[in-house]
Amino acid sequence: MRIGFVSTYPPIECGIATYTSYLNEALKKRGNETFVVSPLGAQGEGVFPVYRPASASMATQIFDISAELTPDIVHVQHEYGLYGPQRGIQVVGLIVRYKLVGIPVVTTLHTVQEELDHISETILRLIVNESSAVIVHEDFQKEVLVKYFGQENKIHVVHHGIRDVDVVKDAKKKVGLEGKKVVLLCGYFRPTKGFKKIVELMPEICEGGDDIVLLVAGKSRGLEYMEYQREFFEAINHSPVSDKILVLRGQFPQYTFDTIVSASDVVVLPYEKGAQSGVMAQCFAFNKPVITSNLFAFKKLIERSNAGLVCENDGEYVKNIIKVLKDDGLYRTLQNNMKEYVKKHSTWSIMAEQHIKVFQSVVRVPYGRARYVYWEEEK
């Protein structure tokens, strides 16, 4: 089928952009034709960067070009703030435009909290009502939507996909951390990530061994949270174990990011808010055990995979990080559980097939045995 995405897309700095790029490639490998309508700054084959999120005419711009490309279905990637002011309310008008001309819309909701505030409830109610189908990443997110809005048959759970990749060889040597036990914090520097907490706990963590170091890798997005960033880097610079903390800054290309993750032994995700993590999916791809906060989405993934440890308080971060780094048997068990989980449940290939089933359930033309054909020219 011909699938039109509405989403951010690389090299735009956005986890949704990365997610869409992996799903897009996985769907194309299954003989589907795709295109992406994205904000200005996106690049790639079949990518149409046509709008600014702050534009009052954004919904019209997206609709006009995507409808001309005659998709069988449109897949909207939703995150608050991607579709203009008032937490992205313009996306509702966009979905309605497709509905009026008979183009089915599947909307993936990347953030569904356990309790919805007034604005979230208002926007999500409209999205669920007007979309042909809705995808979420966790069972509890479906339960939340059904509790508030009903329509259980319309809502589908498709977990976050995970790449099938190999660990980068000699990664620790490339990073300059040969012979070290590497604790990794990676991603955008913002208060809700909880990175400062781990920096402040490093003196206690280092008591677990002279070879333990903290690798901090990431950057800010634009000029956001500047005061927090100042406090965060002051905490690093003034730490009594600052000599055991290495900071790498940059908007890393994929290979650089892969090398950084490959150089780690354990990845810590002390997030205070959130409903999913693209970074966690990258950890699973490289079989790196994770230490997480007790966010509900994290707890559910750890329960399914048995590939990490969940922390309820600061003391458990210290205890669990040292435990994973020093207990070789536990480390191998977590890695093996992770490999098994990815292989059986979460590769992008598996996720693509699940998306196709959702798409096929709402395509309105009874194509029956008619086969969609799309071959790219060999290069």
Protein backbone atom coordinates (compact mmCIF):
# COMPACT_ATOMS: atom_id res chain seq x y z
CA MET A 1 0.00 0.00 0.00
CA ARG A 2 0.99 3.64 -0.24
CA ILE A 3 1.53 5.04 3.25
CA GLY A 4 1.84 8.73 3.98
CA PHE A 5 3.53 9.75 7.23
CA VAL A 6 2.97 13.07 8.96
CA SER A 7 5.91 13.44 11.30
CA THR A 8 9.18 15.11 12.10
CA TYR A 9 12.06 13.37 10.32
CA PRO A 10 15.88 13.38 10.47
CA PRO A 11 18.05 15.37 10.63
CA ILE A 12 15.49 17.22 12.79
CA GLU A 13 16.47 16.68 16.42
CA CYS A 14 13.50 14.74 17.75
CA GLY A 15 12.92 11.23 19.05
CA ILE A 16 9.74 10.98 16.98
CA ALA A 17 11.81 11.76 13.87
CA THR A 18 14.16 8.86 14.60
CA TYR A 19 11.23 6.55 15.36
CA THR A 20 9.50 7.38 12.09
CA SER A 21 12.67 6.87 10.06
CA TYR A 22 13.11 3.32 11.40
CA LEU A 23 9.45 2.43 10.88
CA ASN A 24 9.48 3.96 7.40
CA GLU A 25 12.45 1.85 6.31
CA ALA A 26 10.95 -1.32 7.80
CA LEU A 27 7.67 -0.77 5.94
CA LYS A 28 9.45 -0.12 2.63
CA LYS A 29 11.31 -3.41 2.98
CA ARG A 30 7.91 -5.11 2.87
CA GLY A 31 7.02 -3.73 -0.54
CA ASN A 32 5.12 -0.66 0.61
CA GLU A 33 5.51 2.77 -0.96
CA THR A 34 5.89 5.59 1.53
CA PHE A 35 6.28 9.33 1.75
CA VAL A 36 6.76 11.70 4.68
CA VAL A 37 5.32 15.19 5.09
CA SER A 38 7.52 16.89 7.65
CA PRO A 39 8.51 20.28 9.08
CA LEU A 40 11.14 22.35 7.32
CA GLY A 41 14.60 20.90 7.94
CA ALA A 42 13.78 17.26 7.21
CA GLN A 43 15.63 15.48 4.42
CA GLY A 44 15.56 12.21 2.51
CA GLU A 45 14.04 10.33 -0.38
CA GLY A 46 10.27 10.71 -0.43
CA VAL A 47 10.42 13.38 2.29
CA PHE A 48 8.51 16.64 1.78
CA PRO A 49 9.54 19.35 4.29
CA VAL A 50 6.72 21.85 3.83
CA TYR A 51 5.63 23.49 7.08
CA ARG A 52 6.62 25.28 10.25
CA PRO A 53 4.90 23.98 13.42
CA ALA A 54 4.08 27.54 14.50
CA SER A 55 2.30 28.35 11.24
CA ALA A 56 -1.42 29.04 11.47
CA SER A 57 -1.88 27.33 8.07
CA MET A 58 0.10 24.21 8.99
CA ALA A 59 -2.82 21.77 8.76
CA THR A 60 -3.78 23.08 5.32
CA GLN A 61 -0.18 22.86 4.06
CA ILE A 62 0.21 19.26 5.24
CA PHE A 63 -3.15 18.20 3.86
CA ASP A 64 -2.74 19.83 0.44
CA ILE A 65 0.52 18.08 -0.45
CA SER A 66 -0.27 14.72 1.17
CA ALA A 67 -3.69 14.42 -0.49
CA GLU A 68 -2.13 15.11 -3.90
CA LEU A 69 0.15 12.09 -3.34
CA THR A 70 -2.96 9.83 -3.10
CA PRO A 71 -2.09 7.70 -0.07
CA ASP A 72 -4.05 4.58 0.80
CA ILE A 73 -3.63 5.62 4.41
CA VAL A 74 -2.05 8.44 6.43
CA HIS A 75 -0.09 7.67 9.59
CA VAL A 76 0.14 10.65 11.95
CA GLN A 77 2.83 10.61 14.65
CA HIS A 78 1.49 12.58 17.61
CA GLU A 79 3.40 14.28 20.37
CA TYR A 80 2.27 17.40 22.21
CA GLY A 81 3.83 20.52 20.74
CA LEU A 82 4.64 19.09 17.30
CA TYR A 83 1.56 20.69 15.75
CA GLY A 84 1.64 24.29 16.86
CA PRO A 85 0.43 26.19 19.93
CA GLN A 86 -2.14 25.07 22.51
CA ARG A 87 -0.29 21.74 22.72
CA GLY A 88 -0.74 21.01 19.05
CA ILE A 89 -4.50 21.30 18.60
CA GLN A 90 -4.08 21.82 14.82
CA VAL A 91 -3.53 18.10 14.39
CA VAL A 92 -7.24 17.56 15.04
CA GLY A 93 -8.23 19.77 12.10
CA LEU A 94 -5.75 17.89 9.93
CA ILE A 95 -7.23 14.51 10.81
CA VAL A 96 -10.74 15.80 10.09
CA ARG A 97 -9.65 17.03 6.64
CA TYR A 98 -8.52 13.51 5.72
CA LYS A 99 -11.74 12.06 7.10
CA LEU A 100 -13.85 14.37 4.92
CA VAL A 101 -12.19 13.11 1.72
CA GLY A 102 -12.23 9.46 2.74
CA ILE A 103 -8.52 8.95 3.54
CA PRO A 104 -8.22 6.74 6.64
CA VAL A 105 -5.92 8.05 9.38
CA VAL A 106 -4.00 5.97 11.91
CA THR A 107 -2.60 8.11 14.73
CA THR A 108 0.21 6.92 16.99
CA LEU A 109 0.05 8.60 20.40
CA HIS A 110 3.60 8.64 21.73
CA THR A 111 2.65 10.09 25.11
CA VAL A 112 -0.33 8.89 27.14
CA GLN A 113 0.02 9.49 30.87
CA GLU A 114 -1.77 7.44 33.54
CA GLU A 115 -3.98 10.43 34.39
CA LEU A 116 -5.04 13.03 31.84
CA ASP A 117 -5.25 16.73 32.61
CA HIS A 118 -8.01 18.82 31.03
CA ILE A 119 -6.04 19.83 27.94
CA SER A 120 -4.72 16.32 27.27
CA GLU A 121 -8.16 14.81 27.73
CA THR A 122 -9.72 17.33 25.34
CA ILE A 123 -7.13 16.82 22.59
CA LEU A 124 -6.93 13.04 22.92
CA ARG A 125 -10.72 12.68 22.91
CA LEU A 126 -10.87 14.47 19.56
CA ILE A 127 -7.98 12.46 18.11
CA VAL A 128 -9.46 9.13 19.19
CA ASN A 129 -12.92 10.08 17.88
CA GLU A 130 -11.74 11.31 14.48
CA SER A 131 -8.94 8.81 13.71
CA SER A 132 -9.73 5.56 11.93
CA ALA A 133 -7.43 3.74 14.35
CA VAL A 134 -5.08 4.69 17.19
CA ILE A 135 -1.76 3.08 18.15
CA VAL A 136 -0.10 3.29 21.57
CA HIS A 137 3.08 1.63 22.81
CA GLU A 138 1.93 0.11 26.10
CA ASP A 139 -1.09 -1.87 27.32
CA PHE A 140 -1.68 0.54 30.20
CA GLN A 141 -1.92 3.41 27.68
CA LYS A 142 -4.74 1.61 25.89
CA GLU A 143 -6.43 1.05 29.25
CA VAL A 144 -6.22 4.78 29.98
CA LEU A 145 -7.76 5.72 26.62
CA VAL A 146 -10.55 3.16 26.96
CA LYS A 147 -11.27 4.38 30.49
CA TYR A 148 -11.67 7.97 29.29
CA PHE A 149 -13.07 7.51 25.78
CA GLY A 150 -14.22 3.92 25.23
CA GLN A 151 -13.77 2.67 21.62
CA GLU A 152 -11.61 -0.28 22.65
CA ASN A 153 -11.67 -1.91 19.20
CA LYS A 154 -10.18 1.20 17.61
CA ILE A 155 -7.09 1.29 19.89
CA HIS A 156 -4.12 -1.00 19.20
CA VAL A 157 -0.94 -1.69 21.18
CA VAL A 158 2.25 -1.83 19.10
CA HIS A 159 5.44 -1.67 21.16
CA HIS A 160 8.42 0.53 20.28
CA GLY A 161 10.61 -1.13 17.63
CA ILE A 162 14.24 -2.08 18.22
CA ARG A 163 17.02 -2.18 15.64
CA ASP A 164 18.89 -5.36 14.69
CA VAL A 165 22.51 -4.19 14.95
CA ASP A 166 25.92 -5.36 16.12
CA VAL A 167 27.91 -3.80 18.93
CA VAL A 168 30.64 -1.48 17.62
CA LYS A 169 34.04 -3.15 18.03
CA ASP A 170 36.66 -1.44 20.21
CA ALA A 171 34.09 1.15 21.27
CA LYS A 172 35.67 1.74 24.68
CA LYS A 173 39.04 2.32 23.04
CA LYS A 174 37.51 4.85 20.63
CA VAL A 175 35.89 6.72 23.51
CA GLY A 176 39.05 6.51 25.64
CA LEU A 177 37.64 4.31 28.39
CA GLU A 178 39.44 1.01 27.90
CA GLY A 179 39.44 -1.17 30.99
CA LYS A 180 36.67 0.82 32.68
CA LYS A 181 33.19 -0.09 33.88
CA VAL A 182 31.11 2.53 32.10
CA VAL A 183 27.83 3.92 33.43
CA LEU A 184 26.07 5.86 30.66
CA LEU A 185 23.65 8.80 30.77
CA CYS A 186 22.62 9.84 27.27
CA GLY A 187 20.07 12.09 25.63
CA TYR A 188 18.96 15.69 25.77
CA PHE A 189 19.91 17.67 28.89
CA ARG A 190 16.63 18.61 30.56
CA PRO A 191 15.29 18.50 34.13
CA THR A 192 12.85 15.62 33.65
CA LYS A 193 15.67 13.24 32.66
CA GLY A 194 17.04 13.18 36.23
CA PHE A 195 20.70 13.15 35.08
CA LYS A 196 21.82 15.53 37.83
CA LYS A 197 20.69 12.98 40.44
CA ILE A 198 23.14 10.36 39.12
CA VAL A 199 26.00 12.89 39.00
CA GLU A 200 25.35 13.68 42.67
CA LEU A 201 25.30 9.96 43.52
CA MET A 202 28.58 9.22 41.73
CA PRO A 203 30.80 9.45 44.85
CA GLU A 204 28.78 6.62 46.39
CA ILE A 205 28.69 4.65 43.13
CA CYS A 206 32.47 4.95 42.78
CA GLU A 207 32.87 3.24 46.14
CA GLY A 208 31.87 0.08 44.29
CA GLY A 209 35.18 0.00 42.41
CA ASP A 210 38.08 2.12 41.20
CA ASP A 211 37.28 1.20 37.59
CA ILE A 212 33.77 2.71 37.57
CA VAL A 213 33.31 5.86 35.45
CA LEU A 214 30.33 7.92 34.36
CA LEU A 215 29.93 8.80 30.68
CA VAL A 216 27.51 11.66 29.98
CA ALA A 217 26.63 12.01 26.30
CA GLY A 218 24.14 14.40 24.73
CA LYS A 219 23.26 18.00 24.14
CA SER A 220 20.59 20.61 24.67
CA ARG A 221 17.83 21.05 22.13
CA GLY A 222 17.95 24.64 21.04
CA LEU A 223 18.18 27.07 23.95
CA GLU A 224 15.81 25.22 26.29
CA TYR A 225 16.42 24.81 30.03
CA MET A 226 19.56 26.94 30.08
CA GLU A 227 19.46 27.49 33.86
CA TYR A 228 19.13 23.75 34.47
CA GLN A 229 22.02 23.06 32.12
CA ARG A 230 24.20 25.53 34.01
CA GLU A 231 23.39 23.79 37.31
CA PHE A 232 23.93 20.36 35.77
CA PHE A 233 27.40 21.14 34.45
CA GLU A 234 28.36 22.91 37.66
CA ALA A 235 27.45 19.72 39.52
CA ILE A 236 29.76 17.78 37.21
CA ASN A 237 32.63 20.28 37.44
CA HIS A 238 32.45 20.47 41.24
CA SER A 239 31.94 16.75 41.87
CA PRO A 240 34.54 15.21 44.19
CA VAL A 241 34.87 12.45 41.55
CA SER A 242 34.90 14.76 38.53
CA ASP A 243 37.98 12.92 37.27
CA LYS A 244 35.72 9.86 36.82
CA ILE A 245 33.12 11.71 34.75
CA LEU A 246 33.55 12.11 30.99
CA VAL A 247 31.19 14.41 29.09
CA LEU A 248 30.68 14.14 25.32
CA ARG A 249 28.56 16.86 23.73
CA GLY A 250 27.06 16.89 20.26
CA GLN A 251 24.17 16.02 17.99
CA PHE A 252 25.70 12.66 17.27
CA PRO A 253 25.34 10.99 13.88
CA GLN A 254 24.07 7.42 14.17
CA TYR A 255 27.48 5.72 14.11
CA THR A 256 28.84 8.03 16.82
CA PHE A 257 25.80 7.39 18.99
CA ASP A 258 26.10 3.64 18.38
CA THR A 259 29.76 3.77 19.41
CA ILE A 260 28.91 5.61 22.63
CA VAL A 261 26.21 3.11 23.60
CA SER A 262 28.52 0.21 22.65
CA ALA A 263 31.18 1.61 25.01
CA SER A 264 28.83 1.44 28.00
CA ASP A 265 28.28 -1.42 30.41
CA VAL A 266 25.02 -0.19 31.91
CA VAL A 267 22.69 2.65 30.93
CA VAL A 268 20.80 4.62 33.57
CA LEU A 269 17.40 6.17 32.80
CA PRO A 270 16.45 8.13 35.94
CA TYR A 271 13.57 9.92 34.19
CA GLU A 272 11.05 11.75 36.34
CA LYS A 273 8.42 12.10 33.59
CA GLY A 274 7.66 10.38 30.31
CA ALA A 275 5.72 7.60 28.66
CA GLN A 276 8.44 5.89 26.61
CA SER A 277 12.11 6.21 25.74
CA GLY A 278 13.80 5.93 22.36
CA VAL A 279 17.11 5.74 24.24
CA MET A 280 15.91 2.60 26.02
CA ALA A 281 15.16 1.02 22.64
CA GLN A 282 18.75 1.79 21.59
CA CYS A 283 20.02 0.13 24.79
CA PHE A 284 18.07 -3.01 23.96
CA ALA A 285 19.49 -3.00 20.43
CA PHE A 286 23.03 -3.20 21.84
CA ASN A 287 22.13 -5.53 24.73
CA LYS A 288 23.05 -3.00 27.41
CA PRO A 289 21.26 -3.66 30.73
CA VAL A 290 19.28 -0.68 32.00
CA ILE A 291 18.72 0.83 35.42
CA THR A 292 15.50 2.87 35.36
CA SER A 293 13.25 5.01 37.48
CA ASN A 294 9.87 3.66 38.51
CA LEU A 295 7.94 5.31 35.68
CA PHE A 296 5.02 3.03 34.87
CA ALA A 297 6.03 2.53 31.22
CA PHE A 298 9.58 1.59 32.28
CA LYS A 299 8.33 -0.85 34.91
CA LYS A 300 6.09 -2.58 32.37
CA LEU A 301 8.91 -2.99 29.84
CA ILE A 302 11.28 -4.35 32.50
CA GLU A 303 8.56 -6.78 33.62
CA ARG A 304 8.11 -8.04 30.05
CA SER A 305 11.79 -8.35 29.25
CA ASN A 306 13.55 -8.96 32.59
CA ALA A 307 16.40 -6.95 31.09
CA GLY A 308 17.07 -4.38 33.80
CA LEU A 309 16.37 -3.16 37.31
CA VAL A 310 13.86 -0.55 38.50
CA CYS A 311 14.74 1.92 41.27
CA GLU A 312 12.32 3.35 43.83
CA ASN A 313 14.78 5.73 45.51
CA ASP A 314 18.32 7.16 45.33
CA GLY A 315 19.79 4.36 47.39
CA GLU A 316 18.55 1.77 44.93
CA TYR A 317 20.30 3.56 42.06
CA VAL A 318 23.62 3.20 43.88
CA LYS A 319 22.98 -0.41 44.90
CA ASN A 320 21.64 -1.57 41.53
CA ILE A 321 24.33 0.10 39.40
CA ILE A 322 27.11 -1.48 41.46
CA LYS A 323 25.28 -4.81 41.49
CA VAL A 324 24.94 -4.98 37.71
CA LEU A 325 28.56 -3.89 37.13
CA LYS A 326 30.06 -6.36 39.61
CA ASP A 327 27.82 -9.45 39.38
CA ASP A 328 28.88 -11.14 36.13
CA GLY A 329 26.16 -13.77 36.39
CA LEU A 330 23.43 -11.18 36.76
CA TYR A 331 24.90 -9.15 33.92
CA ARG A 332 24.87 -12.11 31.51
CA THR A 333 21.32 -13.01 32.54
CA LEU A 334 20.06 -9.49 31.85
CA GLN A 335 21.82 -9.44 28.47
CA ASN A 336 20.43 -12.84 27.47
CA ASN A 337 16.92 -11.80 28.50
CA MET A 338 17.30 -8.66 26.43
CA LYS A 339 18.45 -10.55 23.34
CA GLU A 340 15.58 -13.02 23.63
CA TYR A 341 13.00 -10.28 24.09
CA VAL A 342 14.19 -8.31 21.07
CA LYS A 343 14.38 -11.35 18.83
CA LYS A 344 10.89 -12.60 19.67
CA HIS A 345 8.92 -9.43 20.24
CA SER A 346 10.41 -6.10 19.22
CA THR A 347 12.48 -5.95 16.04
CA TRP A 348 11.40 -3.28 13.58
CA SER A 349 10.51 -6.10 11.21
CA ILE A 350 7.96 -7.42 13.71
CA MET A 351 6.66 -3.93 14.43
CA ALA A 352 6.23 -3.22 10.71
CA GLU A 353 4.06 -6.32 10.32
CA GLN A 354 1.90 -5.24 13.24
CA HIS A 355 1.47 -1.78 11.74
CA ILE A 356 0.45 -3.28 8.40
CA LYS A 357 -2.29 -5.29 10.14
CA VAL A 358 -3.63 -2.11 11.72
CA PHE A 359 -3.49 -0.28 8.38
CA GLN A 360 -5.27 -3.09 6.57
CA SER A 361 -8.04 -3.09 9.16
CA VAL A 362 -9.10 0.44 8.20
CA VAL A 363 -8.37 0.69 4.46
CA ARG A 364 -11.84 1.15 3.02
CA VAL A 365 -11.46 -0.21 -0.51
CA PRO A 366 -11.95 -4.01 -0.65
CA TYR A 367 -8.80 -4.73 -2.65
CA GLY A 368 -9.06 -8.45 -1.88
CA ARG A 369 -6.44 -10.38 -3.84
CA ALA A 370 -5.13 -7.30 -5.66
CA ARG A 371 -1.46 -7.00 -4.82
CA TYR A 372 0.21 -3.64 -4.29
CA VAL A 373 3.48 -3.49 -6.26
CA TYR A 374 6.37 -1.12 -5.57
CA TRP A 375 9.93 -1.84 -6.72
CA GLU A 376 12.81 0.57 -6.27
CA GLU A 377 15.44 0.75 -8.99
CA GLU A 378 18.60 -1.13 -8.03
CA LYS A 379 21.53 1.17 -7.39
